Amino acid sequence: MQRIYEPRDLLEGEMLLGMLASEGVDAHLIGGHLLGAVGELPALGLLGLLVDNEDAEHARHLIAAYNAAAPLPGDEPDGHPGVLLC
């Protein structure tokens, strides 16, 4: 297995884990159990996404495409151009 990406927080890690699973890539998120001991301090390097060696390049490509995505023009709410409200 290879560590292919370090999410900045648990939410990003879980979203990427789900995205990879939807694309047929079996991935594992490690380090989530360590975050409770850190509190409000940034904990860089604790989280990691692992995939099998044969899926590593494909998973890196999927994550790069995911991170490069932008909202479609016209999807912005009125009065808040360029801002996504969830």
N, C-alpha and C. Protein backbone atom coordinates (compact mmCIF):
# COMPACT_ATOMS: atom_id res chain seq x y z
N MET A 1 0.84 -1.18 0.00
CA MET A 1 0.00 0.00 0.00
C MET A 1 0.89 1.24 0.00
N GLN A 2 0.34 2.30 -0.59
CA GLN A 2 1.06 3.57 -0.67
C GLN A 2 0.22 4.68 -0.05
N ARG A 3 0.90 5.58 0.65
CA ARG A 3 0.25 6.79 1.16
C ARG A 3 0.28 7.79 0.01
N ILE A 4 -0.89 8.14 -0.51
CA ILE A 4 -0.94 8.97 -1.71
C ILE A 4 -1.33 10.41 -1.45
N TYR A 5 -1.91 10.69 -0.27
CA TYR A 5 -2.40 12.05 -0.03
C TYR A 5 -2.56 12.28 1.46
N GLU A 6 -2.31 13.52 1.89
CA GLU A 6 -2.52 13.92 3.28
C GLU A 6 -3.63 14.95 3.32
N PRO A 7 -4.85 14.54 3.71
CA PRO A 7 -5.95 15.50 3.82
C PRO A 7 -5.65 16.54 4.89
N ARG A 8 -6.19 17.74 4.72
CA ARG A 8 -5.92 18.78 5.71
C ARG A 8 -6.77 18.62 6.96
N ASP A 9 -7.91 17.89 6.85
CA ASP A 9 -8.73 17.61 8.03
C ASP A 9 -9.53 16.34 7.78
N LEU A 10 -10.24 15.91 8.82
CA LEU A 10 -10.99 14.66 8.74
C LEU A 10 -12.11 14.73 7.71
N LEU A 11 -12.75 15.89 7.59
CA LEU A 11 -13.83 16.06 6.63
C LEU A 11 -13.33 15.85 5.20
N GLU A 12 -12.21 16.47 4.86
CA GLU A 12 -11.66 16.28 3.52
C GLU A 12 -11.28 14.82 3.29
N GLY A 13 -10.70 14.20 4.30
CA GLY A 13 -10.32 12.79 4.18
C GLY A 13 -11.51 11.90 3.92
N GLU A 14 -12.60 12.11 4.64
CA GLU A 14 -13.81 11.30 4.45
C GLU A 14 -14.44 11.56 3.08
N MET A 15 -14.44 12.82 2.62
CA MET A 15 -14.99 13.11 1.30
C MET A 15 -14.18 12.44 0.20
N LEU A 16 -12.85 12.50 0.30
CA LEU A 16 -12.00 11.87 -0.70
C LEU A 16 -12.12 10.35 -0.65
N LEU A 17 -12.26 9.80 0.54
CA LEU A 17 -12.45 8.36 0.69
C LEU A 17 -13.72 7.92 -0.04
N GLY A 18 -14.80 8.67 0.14
CA GLY A 18 -16.04 8.36 -0.56
C GLY A 18 -15.94 8.53 -2.06
N MET A 19 -15.24 9.59 -2.50
CA MET A 19 -15.07 9.81 -3.94
C MET A 19 -14.29 8.67 -4.57
N LEU A 20 -13.20 8.24 -3.91
CA LEU A 20 -12.41 7.14 -4.44
C LEU A 20 -13.22 5.85 -4.48
N ALA A 21 -14.00 5.60 -3.44
CA ALA A 21 -14.84 4.40 -3.41
C ALA A 21 -15.85 4.42 -4.55
N SER A 22 -16.42 5.60 -4.85
CA SER A 22 -17.39 5.70 -5.95
C SER A 22 -16.74 5.44 -7.30
N GLU A 23 -15.42 5.60 -7.39
CA GLU A 23 -14.68 5.34 -8.63
C GLU A 23 -14.07 3.93 -8.65
N GLY A 24 -14.40 3.13 -7.63
CA GLY A 24 -13.92 1.75 -7.60
C GLY A 24 -12.53 1.57 -7.02
N VAL A 25 -12.02 2.58 -6.33
CA VAL A 25 -10.69 2.50 -5.73
C VAL A 25 -10.86 2.22 -4.24
N ASP A 26 -10.31 1.10 -3.78
CA ASP A 26 -10.36 0.75 -2.37
C ASP A 26 -9.28 1.54 -1.63
N ALA A 27 -9.70 2.43 -0.75
CA ALA A 27 -8.76 3.30 -0.03
C ALA A 27 -9.04 3.21 1.47
N HIS A 28 -8.03 3.59 2.24
CA HIS A 28 -8.14 3.57 3.69
C HIS A 28 -7.65 4.92 4.22
N LEU A 29 -8.39 5.46 5.19
CA LEU A 29 -8.00 6.70 5.84
C LEU A 29 -7.37 6.35 7.18
N ILE A 30 -6.12 6.75 7.37
CA ILE A 30 -5.43 6.46 8.62
C ILE A 30 -5.20 7.74 9.40
N GLY A 31 -5.11 7.61 10.71
CA GLY A 31 -4.77 8.74 11.56
C GLY A 31 -5.95 9.48 12.16
N GLY A 32 -7.16 9.13 11.77
CA GLY A 32 -8.32 9.85 12.29
C GLY A 32 -8.46 9.74 13.79
N HIS A 33 -8.08 8.62 14.34
CA HIS A 33 -8.18 8.41 15.79
C HIS A 33 -7.18 9.26 16.57
N LEU A 34 -6.18 9.80 15.90
CA LEU A 34 -5.17 10.62 16.57
C LEU A 34 -5.61 12.08 16.74
N LEU A 35 -6.62 12.49 16.01
CA LEU A 35 -7.01 13.90 16.01
C LEU A 35 -7.60 14.36 17.33
N GLY A 36 -8.24 13.49 18.09
CA GLY A 36 -8.85 13.88 19.34
C GLY A 36 -7.84 14.37 20.36
N ALA A 37 -6.63 13.90 20.30
CA ALA A 37 -5.61 14.29 21.27
C ALA A 37 -4.99 15.64 20.93
N VAL A 38 -5.22 16.14 19.75
CA VAL A 38 -4.56 17.36 19.30
C VAL A 38 -5.35 18.60 19.70
N GLY A 39 -6.66 18.51 19.80
CA GLY A 39 -7.49 19.67 20.13
C GLY A 39 -7.63 20.60 18.96
N GLU A 40 -7.48 21.88 19.17
CA GLU A 40 -7.68 22.88 18.12
C GLU A 40 -6.42 23.19 17.33
N LEU A 41 -5.31 22.59 17.66
CA LEU A 41 -4.07 22.86 16.94
C LEU A 41 -4.07 22.14 15.60
N PRO A 42 -3.50 22.74 14.57
CA PRO A 42 -3.41 22.04 13.29
C PRO A 42 -2.48 20.83 13.43
N ALA A 43 -2.91 19.74 12.87
CA ALA A 43 -2.13 18.50 13.00
C ALA A 43 -1.75 18.01 11.62
N LEU A 44 -0.76 18.62 11.04
CA LEU A 44 -0.33 18.24 9.69
C LEU A 44 0.38 16.90 9.72
N GLY A 45 0.06 16.07 8.77
CA GLY A 45 0.74 14.80 8.63
C GLY A 45 0.13 13.66 9.41
N LEU A 46 -0.90 13.91 10.21
CA LEU A 46 -1.51 12.82 10.96
C LEU A 46 -2.43 11.97 10.09
N LEU A 47 -3.15 12.60 9.17
CA LEU A 47 -4.07 11.89 8.30
C LEU A 47 -3.38 11.46 7.02
N GLY A 48 -3.79 10.33 6.50
CA GLY A 48 -3.26 9.87 5.23
C GLY A 48 -4.22 8.95 4.53
N LEU A 49 -4.26 9.05 3.21
CA LEU A 49 -5.05 8.12 2.40
C LEU A 49 -4.11 7.07 1.83
N LEU A 50 -4.45 5.81 2.05
CA LEU A 50 -3.66 4.70 1.54
C LEU A 50 -4.45 3.95 0.49
N VAL A 51 -3.77 3.55 -0.58
CA VAL A 51 -4.37 2.70 -1.61
C VAL A 51 -3.37 1.62 -1.99
N ASP A 52 -3.87 0.58 -2.64
CA ASP A 52 -2.99 -0.47 -3.13
C ASP A 52 -2.03 0.11 -4.17
N ASN A 53 -0.87 -0.51 -4.29
CA ASN A 53 0.16 -0.02 -5.22
C ASN A 53 -0.36 0.12 -6.64
N GLU A 54 -1.15 -0.84 -7.09
CA GLU A 54 -1.62 -0.80 -8.48
C GLU A 54 -2.67 0.29 -8.72
N ASP A 55 -3.29 0.81 -7.66
CA ASP A 55 -4.30 1.87 -7.80
C ASP A 55 -3.74 3.26 -7.52
N ALA A 56 -2.48 3.36 -7.12
CA ALA A 56 -1.92 4.62 -6.64
C ALA A 56 -1.96 5.72 -7.70
N GLU A 57 -1.52 5.45 -8.90
CA GLU A 57 -1.47 6.48 -9.93
C GLU A 57 -2.88 6.96 -10.30
N HIS A 58 -3.80 6.01 -10.45
CA HIS A 58 -5.19 6.36 -10.78
C HIS A 58 -5.80 7.19 -9.65
N ALA A 59 -5.56 6.82 -8.40
CA ALA A 59 -6.11 7.55 -7.26
C ALA A 59 -5.53 8.96 -7.19
N ARG A 60 -4.24 9.11 -7.44
CA ARG A 60 -3.63 10.45 -7.45
C ARG A 60 -4.26 11.33 -8.52
N HIS A 61 -4.51 10.75 -9.68
CA HIS A 61 -5.15 11.49 -10.78
C HIS A 61 -6.56 11.93 -10.37
N LEU A 62 -7.33 11.03 -9.75
CA LEU A 62 -8.68 11.37 -9.32
C LEU A 62 -8.68 12.48 -8.28
N ILE A 63 -7.75 12.42 -7.33
CA ILE A 63 -7.67 13.45 -6.29
C ILE A 63 -7.25 14.78 -6.89
N ALA A 64 -6.32 14.76 -7.84
CA ALA A 64 -5.90 16.01 -8.50
C ALA A 64 -7.07 16.64 -9.25
N ALA A 65 -7.84 15.82 -9.95
CA ALA A 65 -9.01 16.33 -10.67
C ALA A 65 -10.05 16.87 -9.70
N TYR A 66 -10.25 16.19 -8.59
CA TYR A 66 -11.20 16.62 -7.57
C TYR A 66 -10.79 17.98 -6.99
N ASN A 67 -9.51 18.13 -6.69
CA ASN A 67 -9.01 19.39 -6.12
C ASN A 67 -9.02 20.53 -7.13
N ALA A 68 -8.95 20.22 -8.41
CA ALA A 68 -8.94 21.25 -9.45
C ALA A 68 -10.34 21.66 -9.89
N ALA A 69 -11.36 20.97 -9.41
CA ALA A 69 -12.74 21.24 -9.83
C ALA A 69 -13.17 22.63 -9.39
N ALA A 70 -14.00 23.24 -10.20
CA ALA A 70 -14.57 24.56 -9.91
C ALA A 70 -16.07 24.49 -10.12
N PRO A 71 -16.83 25.35 -9.46
CA PRO A 71 -18.28 25.36 -9.67
C PRO A 71 -18.62 25.70 -11.12
N LEU A 72 -19.70 25.16 -11.59
CA LEU A 72 -20.16 25.48 -12.94
C LEU A 72 -20.66 26.91 -12.97
N PRO A 73 -20.39 27.63 -14.06
CA PRO A 73 -20.90 29.01 -14.16
C PRO A 73 -22.42 29.01 -14.05
N GLY A 74 -22.94 29.95 -13.32
CA GLY A 74 -24.39 30.06 -13.16
C GLY A 74 -24.91 29.32 -11.95
N ASP A 75 -24.07 28.57 -11.26
CA ASP A 75 -24.52 27.85 -10.07
C ASP A 75 -24.40 28.68 -8.80
N GLU A 76 -23.87 29.90 -8.92
CA GLU A 76 -23.71 30.74 -7.74
C GLU A 76 -25.07 31.29 -7.32
N PRO A 77 -25.28 31.42 -6.02
CA PRO A 77 -26.54 32.02 -5.57
C PRO A 77 -26.59 33.51 -5.89
N ASP A 78 -27.78 34.04 -6.09
CA ASP A 78 -27.93 35.48 -6.37
C ASP A 78 -27.37 36.29 -5.22
N GLY A 79 -26.62 37.32 -5.53
CA GLY A 79 -26.06 38.19 -4.52
C GLY A 79 -24.76 37.68 -3.93
N HIS A 80 -24.31 36.49 -4.31
CA HIS A 80 -23.08 35.92 -3.79
C HIS A 80 -22.28 35.29 -4.94
N PRO A 81 -21.93 36.06 -5.98
CA PRO A 81 -21.19 35.46 -7.09
C PRO A 81 -19.86 34.91 -6.64
N GLY A 82 -19.54 33.72 -7.12
CA GLY A 82 -18.26 33.10 -6.80
C GLY A 82 -18.23 32.42 -5.45
N VAL A 83 -19.38 32.35 -4.76
CA VAL A 83 -19.45 31.75 -3.43
C VAL A 83 -20.45 30.61 -3.45
N LEU A 84 -20.06 29.48 -2.92
CA LEU A 84 -20.98 28.35 -2.79
C LEU A 84 -21.55 28.35 -1.39
N LEU A 85 -22.86 28.29 -1.27
CA LEU A 85 -23.51 28.18 0.02
C LEU A 85 -24.06 26.77 0.14
N CYS A 86 -23.67 26.08 1.16
CA CYS A 86 -24.11 24.69 1.35
C CYS A 86 -25.16 24.60 2.42
